[in-house]
């Protein structure tokens, strides 16, 4: 029992990581307030979460704002593009849902919409962790996010499930658990992504991903 409660034991390590995730979630929320900074804030969140997953966290606040400042321009650009695409997809989905014509044309449009929405979700899940870890053009970031997400479908499904489960719990079970929110999601996803990003780093050593 004393071993479990040891500062270096698994229980205390887990508790420490959860405390980190709550702190990072608060930082993320504060930095997301202007709305247009969501991209830079999410990149910073994953920058620190990936370090925690590798047990390299150091000073969380310093690392968070270092990444926020470093990726401010590109993170904001990516977020604005994603926001615009999400808005278009939302309008398309609304129109398709209310059309509901039972014919081949409506079925085709719905199929195209589902594929586009799935691609959008994949990019959304991967692009900020990639930006936190690698340097590349915005276009390449979008392309690589989609390709990696499609290649590692199990990881993609688990990451989507983590975010969906957190959202469901906050809305339907216990709203105060929002204190864990995106910070915990990012940490769990970072543990899943660590080996994948390490593979990408090995394969692209000496050149951009």
C-alpha atoms as a PDB file:
ATOM      1  CA  UNK A   1       0.000   0.000   0.000  1.00  0.00           C
ATOM      2  CA  UNK A   2       2.805   2.398   0.926  1.00  0.00           C
ATOM      3  CA  UNK A   3       4.419   1.619  -2.422  1.00  0.00           C
ATOM      4  CA  UNK A   4       1.298   2.698  -4.274  1.00  0.00           C
ATOM      5  CA  UNK A   5       1.230   6.035  -2.437  1.00  0.00           C
ATOM      6  CA  UNK A   6       4.938   6.647  -2.997  1.00  0.00           C
ATOM      7  CA  UNK A   7       5.599   9.910  -4.845  1.00  0.00           C
ATOM      8  CA  UNK A   8       7.160   7.909  -7.680  1.00  0.00           C
ATOM      9  CA  UNK A   9       4.454   5.222  -7.581  1.00  0.00           C
ATOM     10  CA  UNK A  10       1.815   4.740 -10.279  1.00  0.00           C
ATOM     11  CA  UNK A  11      -1.077   6.136  -8.221  1.00  0.00           C
ATOM     12  CA  UNK A  12       0.675   9.398  -7.358  1.00  0.00           C
ATOM     13  CA  UNK A  13       2.009   9.713 -10.881  1.00  0.00           C
ATOM     14  CA  UNK A  14      -1.530   9.343 -12.235  1.00  0.00           C
ATOM     15  CA  UNK A  15      -2.892  11.926  -9.785  1.00  0.00           C
ATOM     16  CA  UNK A  16      -0.081  14.313 -10.721  1.00  0.00           C
ATOM     17  CA  UNK A  17      -0.862  13.955 -14.429  1.00  0.00           C
ATOM     18  CA  UNK A  18      -4.559  14.641 -13.771  1.00  0.00           C
ATOM     19  CA  UNK A  19      -3.664  17.773 -11.807  1.00  0.00           C
ATOM     20  CA  UNK A  20      -1.484  18.847 -14.736  1.00  0.00           C
ATOM     21  CA  UNK A  21      -4.386  18.285 -17.131  1.00  0.00           C
ATOM     22  CA  UNK A  22      -6.711  20.459 -15.018  1.00  0.00           C
ATOM     23  CA  UNK A  23      -4.127  23.257 -14.901  1.00  0.00           C
ATOM     24  CA  UNK A  24      -3.546  23.033 -18.650  1.00  0.00           C
ATOM     25  CA  UNK A  25      -7.292  23.043 -19.271  1.00  0.00           C
ATOM     26  CA  UNK A  26      -7.586  26.312 -17.327  1.00  0.00           C
ATOM     27  CA  UNK A  27      -4.702  27.857 -19.297  1.00  0.00           C
ATOM     28  CA  UNK A  28      -6.272  26.644 -22.552  1.00  0.00           C
ATOM     29  CA  UNK A  29      -9.685  28.098 -21.681  1.00  0.00           C
ATOM     30  CA  UNK A  30      -8.236  31.485 -20.703  1.00  0.00           C
ATOM     31  CA  UNK A  31      -6.189  31.714 -23.895  1.00  0.00           C
ATOM     32  CA  UNK A  32      -9.207  30.681 -26.001  1.00  0.00           C
ATOM     33  CA  UNK A  33     -11.366  33.583 -24.761  1.00  0.00           C
ATOM     34  CA  UNK A  34     -10.658  35.890 -27.736  1.00  0.00           C
ATOM     35  CA  UNK A  35     -11.946  32.996 -29.964  1.00  0.00           C
ATOM     36  CA  UNK A  36      -9.461  33.654 -32.791  1.00  0.00           C
ATOM     37  CA  UNK A  37      -6.655  32.435 -30.498  1.00  0.00           C
ATOM     38  CA  UNK A  38      -8.140  28.923 -30.183  1.00  0.00           C
ATOM     39  CA  UNK A  39      -5.670  27.520 -32.711  1.00  0.00           C
ATOM     40  CA  UNK A  40      -2.569  28.851 -30.953  1.00  0.00           C
ATOM     41  CA  UNK A  41      -3.982  27.852 -27.553  1.00  0.00           C
ATOM     42  CA  UNK A  42      -4.766  24.289 -28.673  1.00  0.00           C
ATOM     43  CA  UNK A  43      -1.309  23.943 -30.214  1.00  0.00           C
ATOM     44  CA  UNK A  44       0.257  25.066 -26.923  1.00  0.00           C
ATOM     45  CA  UNK A  45      -1.941  22.611 -25.026  1.00  0.00           C
ATOM     46  CA  UNK A  46      -0.710  19.709 -27.163  1.00  0.00           C
ATOM     47  CA  UNK A  47       2.878  20.940 -27.030  1.00  0.00           C
ATOM     48  CA  UNK A  48       2.872  20.555 -23.241  1.00  0.00           C
ATOM     49  CA  UNK A  49       0.676  17.421 -23.226  1.00  0.00           C
ATOM     50  CA  UNK A  50       3.054  15.625 -25.583  1.00  0.00           C
ATOM     51  CA  UNK A  51       5.929  16.551 -23.260  1.00  0.00           C
ATOM     52  CA  UNK A  52       4.003  15.159 -20.280  1.00  0.00           C
ATOM     53  CA  UNK A  53       3.340  11.939 -22.204  1.00  0.00           C
ATOM     54  CA  UNK A  54       7.113  11.607 -22.667  1.00  0.00           C
ATOM     55  CA  UNK A  55       7.781  12.602 -19.016  1.00  0.00           C
ATOM     56  CA  UNK A  56       9.549  15.781 -20.178  1.00  0.00           C
ATOM     57  CA  UNK A  57       7.061  18.349 -18.831  1.00  0.00           C
ATOM     58  CA  UNK A  58       9.328  20.752 -16.913  1.00  0.00           C
ATOM     59  CA  UNK A  59       7.731  24.164 -16.288  1.00  0.00           C
ATOM     60  CA  UNK A  60       4.175  23.838 -17.661  1.00  0.00           C
ATOM     61  CA  UNK A  61       3.359  27.539 -17.791  1.00  0.00           C
ATOM     62  CA  UNK A  62       6.621  28.492 -19.467  1.00  0.00           C
ATOM     63  CA  UNK A  63       6.309  25.694 -22.042  1.00  0.00           C
ATOM     64  CA  UNK A  64       2.666  26.554 -22.775  1.00  0.00           C
ATOM     65  CA  UNK A  65       3.306  30.215 -23.485  1.00  0.00           C
ATOM     66  CA  UNK A  66       6.504  29.451 -25.377  1.00  0.00           C
ATOM     67  CA  UNK A  67       4.497  27.345 -27.834  1.00  0.00           C
ATOM     68  CA  UNK A  68       1.607  29.836 -27.856  1.00  0.00           C
ATOM     69  CA  UNK A  69       3.951  32.613 -28.921  1.00  0.00           C
ATOM     70  CA  UNK A  70       5.950  30.478 -31.365  1.00  0.00           C
ATOM     71  CA  UNK A  71       2.900  29.063 -33.168  1.00  0.00           C
ATOM     72  CA  UNK A  72       0.655  32.103 -32.836  1.00  0.00           C
ATOM     73  CA  UNK A  73       0.588  33.092 -36.513  1.00  0.00           C
ATOM     74  CA  UNK A  74       0.252  29.647 -38.109  1.00  0.00           C
ATOM     75  CA  UNK A  75      -2.033  28.316 -35.380  1.00  0.00           C
ATOM     76  CA  UNK A  76      -4.402  31.255 -35.876  1.00  0.00           C
ATOM     77  CA  UNK A  77      -4.325  30.825 -39.655  1.00  0.00           C
ATOM     78  CA  UNK A  78      -5.139  27.115 -39.386  1.00  0.00           C
ATOM     79  CA  UNK A  79      -7.932  27.767 -36.878  1.00  0.00           C
ATOM     80  CA  UNK A  80      -9.577  30.406 -39.090  1.00  0.00           C
ATOM     81  CA  UNK A  81      -9.492  28.002 -42.050  1.00  0.00           C
ATOM     82  CA  UNK A  82     -10.985  25.215 -39.923  1.00  0.00           C
ATOM     83  CA  UNK A  83     -13.619  27.572 -38.544  1.00  0.00           C
ATOM     84  CA  UNK A  84     -14.634  28.610 -42.060  1.00  0.00           C
ATOM     85  CA  UNK A  85     -14.764  25.015 -43.303  1.00  0.00           C
ATOM     86  CA  UNK A  86     -16.722  23.960 -40.220  1.00  0.00           C
ATOM     87  CA  UNK A  87     -19.233  26.737 -40.829  1.00  0.00           C
ATOM     88  CA  UNK A  88     -19.706  25.615 -44.439  1.00  0.00           C
ATOM     89  CA  UNK A  89     -20.125  21.986 -43.361  1.00  0.00           C
ATOM     90  CA  UNK A  90     -22.614  22.999 -40.690  1.00  0.00           C
ATOM     91  CA  UNK A  91     -24.748  24.921 -43.192  1.00  0.00           C
ATOM     92  CA  UNK A  92     -24.552  22.059 -45.703  1.00  0.00           C
ATOM     93  CA  UNK A  93     -25.562  19.546 -43.046  1.00  0.00           C
ATOM     94  CA  UNK A  94     -28.500  21.710 -41.973  1.00  0.00           C
ATOM     95  CA  UNK A  95     -29.731  22.078 -45.559  1.00  0.00           C
ATOM     96  CA  UNK A  96     -29.333  18.370 -46.331  1.00  0.00           C
ATOM     97  CA  UNK A  97     -31.158  17.359 -43.150  1.00  0.00           C
ATOM     98  CA  UNK A  98     -34.126  19.554 -43.950  1.00  0.00           C
ATOM     99  CA  UNK A  99     -34.235  18.592 -47.640  1.00  0.00           C
ATOM    100  CA  UNK A 100     -34.444  14.847 -46.984  1.00  0.00           C
ATOM    101  CA  UNK A 101     -35.507  13.978 -50.517  1.00  0.00           C
ATOM    102  CA  UNK A 102     -35.588  10.233 -51.004  1.00  0.00           C
ATOM    103  CA  UNK A 103     -33.834  10.109 -54.344  1.00  0.00           C
ATOM    104  CA  UNK A 104     -30.414   9.213 -55.724  1.00  0.00           C
ATOM    105  CA  UNK A 105     -29.209  12.819 -55.894  1.00  0.00           C
ATOM    106  CA  UNK A 106     -29.916  13.482 -52.192  1.00  0.00           C
ATOM    107  CA  UNK A 107     -28.281  10.166 -51.263  1.00  0.00           C
ATOM    108  CA  UNK A 108     -25.172  11.097 -53.273  1.00  0.00           C
ATOM    109  CA  UNK A 109     -24.961  14.545 -51.673  1.00  0.00           C
ATOM    110  CA  UNK A 110     -25.364  13.020 -48.220  1.00  0.00           C
ATOM    111  CA  UNK A 111     -22.585  10.511 -48.908  1.00  0.00           C
ATOM    112  CA  UNK A 112     -20.268  13.310 -50.068  1.00  0.00           C
ATOM    113  CA  UNK A 113     -21.148  15.329 -46.973  1.00  0.00           C
ATOM    114  CA  UNK A 114     -20.397  12.393 -44.636  1.00  0.00           C
ATOM    115  CA  UNK A 115     -17.000  11.822 -46.273  1.00  0.00           C
ATOM    116  CA  UNK A 116     -16.180  15.539 -46.059  1.00  0.00           C
ATOM    117  CA  UNK A 117     -17.291  15.696 -42.414  1.00  0.00           C
ATOM    118  CA  UNK A 118     -15.171  12.637 -41.543  1.00  0.00           C
ATOM    119  CA  UNK A 119     -12.125  14.189 -43.237  1.00  0.00           C
ATOM    120  CA  UNK A 120     -12.751  17.418 -41.338  1.00  0.00           C
ATOM    121  CA  UNK A 121     -12.871  15.610 -37.986  1.00  0.00           C
ATOM    122  CA  UNK A 122      -9.650  13.721 -38.775  1.00  0.00           C
ATOM    123  CA  UNK A 123      -7.822  16.950 -39.618  1.00  0.00           C
ATOM    124  CA  UNK A 124      -9.227  18.632 -36.512  1.00  0.00           C
ATOM    125  CA  UNK A 125      -7.908  15.808 -34.308  1.00  0.00           C
ATOM    126  CA  UNK A 126      -4.395  15.722 -35.749  1.00  0.00           C
ATOM    127  CA  UNK A 127      -3.436  19.130 -37.072  1.00  0.00           C
ATOM    128  CA  UNK A 128      -2.701  20.892 -33.780  1.00  0.00           C
ATOM    129  CA  UNK A 129      -0.619  18.021 -32.313  1.00  0.00           C
ATOM    130  CA  UNK A 130       1.350  17.993 -35.578  1.00  0.00           C
ATOM    131  CA  UNK A 131       1.848  21.748 -35.438  1.00  0.00           C
ATOM    132  CA  UNK A 132       3.016  21.406 -31.838  1.00  0.00           C
ATOM    133  CA  UNK A 133       5.655  18.854 -32.845  1.00  0.00           C
ATOM    134  CA  UNK A 134       6.704  19.714 -36.410  1.00  0.00           C
ATOM    135  CA  UNK A 135       7.322  22.732 -38.582  1.00  0.00           C
ATOM    136  CA  UNK A 136       5.777  22.832 -42.056  1.00  0.00           C
ATOM    137  CA  UNK A 137       3.570  24.857 -44.378  1.00  0.00           C
ATOM    138  CA  UNK A 138      -0.117  25.187 -43.574  1.00  0.00           C
ATOM    139  CA  UNK A 139      -1.062  23.242 -46.702  1.00  0.00           C
ATOM    140  CA  UNK A 140       1.278  20.390 -45.745  1.00  0.00           C
ATOM    141  CA  UNK A 141      -0.150  20.372 -42.218  1.00  0.00           C
ATOM    142  CA  UNK A 142      -3.639  19.759 -43.583  1.00  0.00           C
ATOM    143  CA  UNK A 143      -2.427  17.057 -45.970  1.00  0.00           C
ATOM    144  CA  UNK A 144      -0.333  15.264 -43.353  1.00  0.00           C
ATOM    145  CA  UNK A 145      -3.113  15.404 -40.760  1.00  0.00           C
ATOM    146  CA  UNK A 146      -5.503  13.692 -43.142  1.00  0.00           C
ATOM    147  CA  UNK A 147      -2.992  11.076 -44.293  1.00  0.00           C
ATOM    148  CA  UNK A 148      -1.798  10.170 -40.793  1.00  0.00           C
ATOM    149  CA  UNK A 149      -5.345  10.086 -39.457  1.00  0.00           C
ATOM    150  CA  UNK A 150      -6.433   7.705 -42.222  1.00  0.00           C
ATOM    151  CA  UNK A 151      -3.371   5.510 -41.786  1.00  0.00           C
ATOM    152  CA  UNK A 152      -3.841   5.109 -38.021  1.00  0.00           C
ATOM    153  CA  UNK A 153      -7.598   4.659 -37.975  1.00  0.00           C
ATOM    154  CA  UNK A 154      -7.688   2.906 -34.601  1.00  0.00           C
ATOM    155  CA  UNK A 155      -5.909   5.817 -32.953  1.00  0.00           C
ATOM    156  CA  UNK A 156      -8.219   8.231 -34.785  1.00  0.00           C
ATOM    157  CA  UNK A 157     -11.301   6.367 -33.547  1.00  0.00           C
ATOM    158  CA  UNK A 158      -9.987   6.315 -29.963  1.00  0.00           C
ATOM    159  CA  UNK A 159      -9.191  10.024 -30.028  1.00  0.00           C
ATOM    160  CA  UNK A 160     -12.662  10.834 -31.355  1.00  0.00           C
ATOM    161  CA  UNK A 161     -14.186   8.565 -28.679  1.00  0.00           C
ATOM    162  CA  UNK A 162     -12.228  10.360 -25.939  1.00  0.00           C
ATOM    163  CA  UNK A 163     -13.549  13.762 -27.006  1.00  0.00           C
ATOM    164  CA  UNK A 164     -17.095  12.457 -27.469  1.00  0.00           C
ATOM    165  CA  UNK A 165     -17.058  10.725 -24.065  1.00  0.00           C
ATOM    166  CA  UNK A 166     -15.809  13.883 -22.326  1.00  0.00           C
ATOM    167  CA  UNK A 167     -18.475  15.991 -24.037  1.00  0.00           C
ATOM    168  CA  UNK A 168     -21.201  13.476 -23.144  1.00  0.00           C
ATOM    169  CA  UNK A 169     -20.134  13.297 -19.486  1.00  0.00           C
ATOM    170  CA  UNK A 170     -19.975  17.086 -19.128  1.00  0.00           C
ATOM    171  CA  UNK A 171     -23.389  17.643 -20.745  1.00  0.00           C
ATOM    172  CA  UNK A 172     -25.344  14.656 -19.435  1.00  0.00           C
ATOM    173  CA  UNK A 173     -23.628  13.374 -16.297  1.00  0.00           C
ATOM    174  CA  UNK A 174     -21.664  15.955 -14.321  1.00  0.00           C
ATOM    175  CA  UNK A 175     -21.098  19.474 -15.666  1.00  0.00           C
ATOM    176  CA  UNK A 176     -18.400  20.370 -13.071  1.00  0.00           C
ATOM    177  CA  UNK A 177     -16.167  17.754 -14.714  1.00  0.00           C
ATOM    178  CA  UNK A 178     -15.630  20.426 -17.372  1.00  0.00           C
ATOM    179  CA  UNK A 179     -12.663  21.386 -15.180  1.00  0.00           C
ATOM    180  CA  UNK A 180     -10.870  18.399 -16.759  1.00  0.00           C
ATOM    181  CA  UNK A 181     -12.235  19.106 -20.251  1.00  0.00           C
ATOM    182  CA  UNK A 182      -9.863  19.554 -23.153  1.00  0.00           C
ATOM    183  CA  UNK A 183      -6.808  19.320 -20.909  1.00  0.00           C
ATOM    184  CA  UNK A 184      -7.546  15.680 -20.073  1.00  0.00           C
ATOM    185  CA  UNK A 185      -8.577  14.896 -23.651  1.00  0.00           C
ATOM    186  CA  UNK A 186      -5.306  16.341 -24.945  1.00  0.00           C
ATOM    187  CA  UNK A 187      -3.272  14.366 -22.403  1.00  0.00           C
ATOM    188  CA  UNK A 188      -5.005  11.065 -23.215  1.00  0.00           C
ATOM    189  CA  UNK A 189      -4.670  11.723 -26.954  1.00  0.00           C
ATOM    190  CA  UNK A 190      -1.005  12.628 -26.487  1.00  0.00           C
ATOM    191  CA  UNK A 191      -0.322   9.223 -24.933  1.00  0.00           C
ATOM    192  CA  UNK A 192      -1.944   7.640 -27.998  1.00  0.00           C
ATOM    193  CA  UNK A 193      -0.059   9.908 -30.390  1.00  0.00           C
ATOM    194  CA  UNK A 194       3.408   9.672 -28.862  1.00  0.00           C
ATOM    195  CA  UNK A 195       4.525   6.536 -30.699  1.00  0.00           C
ATOM    196  CA  UNK A 196       2.904   7.657 -33.966  1.00  0.00           C
ATOM    197  CA  UNK A 197       4.630  11.040 -33.918  1.00  0.00           C
ATOM    198  CA  UNK A 198       7.900   9.355 -32.944  1.00  0.00           C
ATOM    199  CA  UNK A 199       7.583   7.148 -36.041  1.00  0.00           C
ATOM    200  CA  UNK A 200       6.921  10.210 -38.186  1.00  0.00           C
ATOM    201  CA  UNK A 201       9.938  11.925 -36.675  1.00  0.00           C
ATOM    202  CA  UNK A 202      12.207   8.967 -37.418  1.00  0.00           C
ATOM    203  CA  UNK A 203      11.017   8.653 -41.011  1.00  0.00           C
ATOM    204  CA  UNK A 204      11.378  12.365 -41.698  1.00  0.00           C
ATOM    205  CA  UNK A 205      14.600  12.993 -39.795  1.00  0.00           C
ATOM    206  CA  UNK A 206      16.482  15.759 -41.480  1.00  0.00           C
ATOM    207  CA  UNK A 207      13.479  17.000 -43.481  1.00  0.00           C
ATOM    208  CA  UNK A 208       9.994  18.386 -42.862  1.00  0.00           C
ATOM    209  CA  UNK A 209       7.109  15.986 -42.226  1.00  0.00           C
END
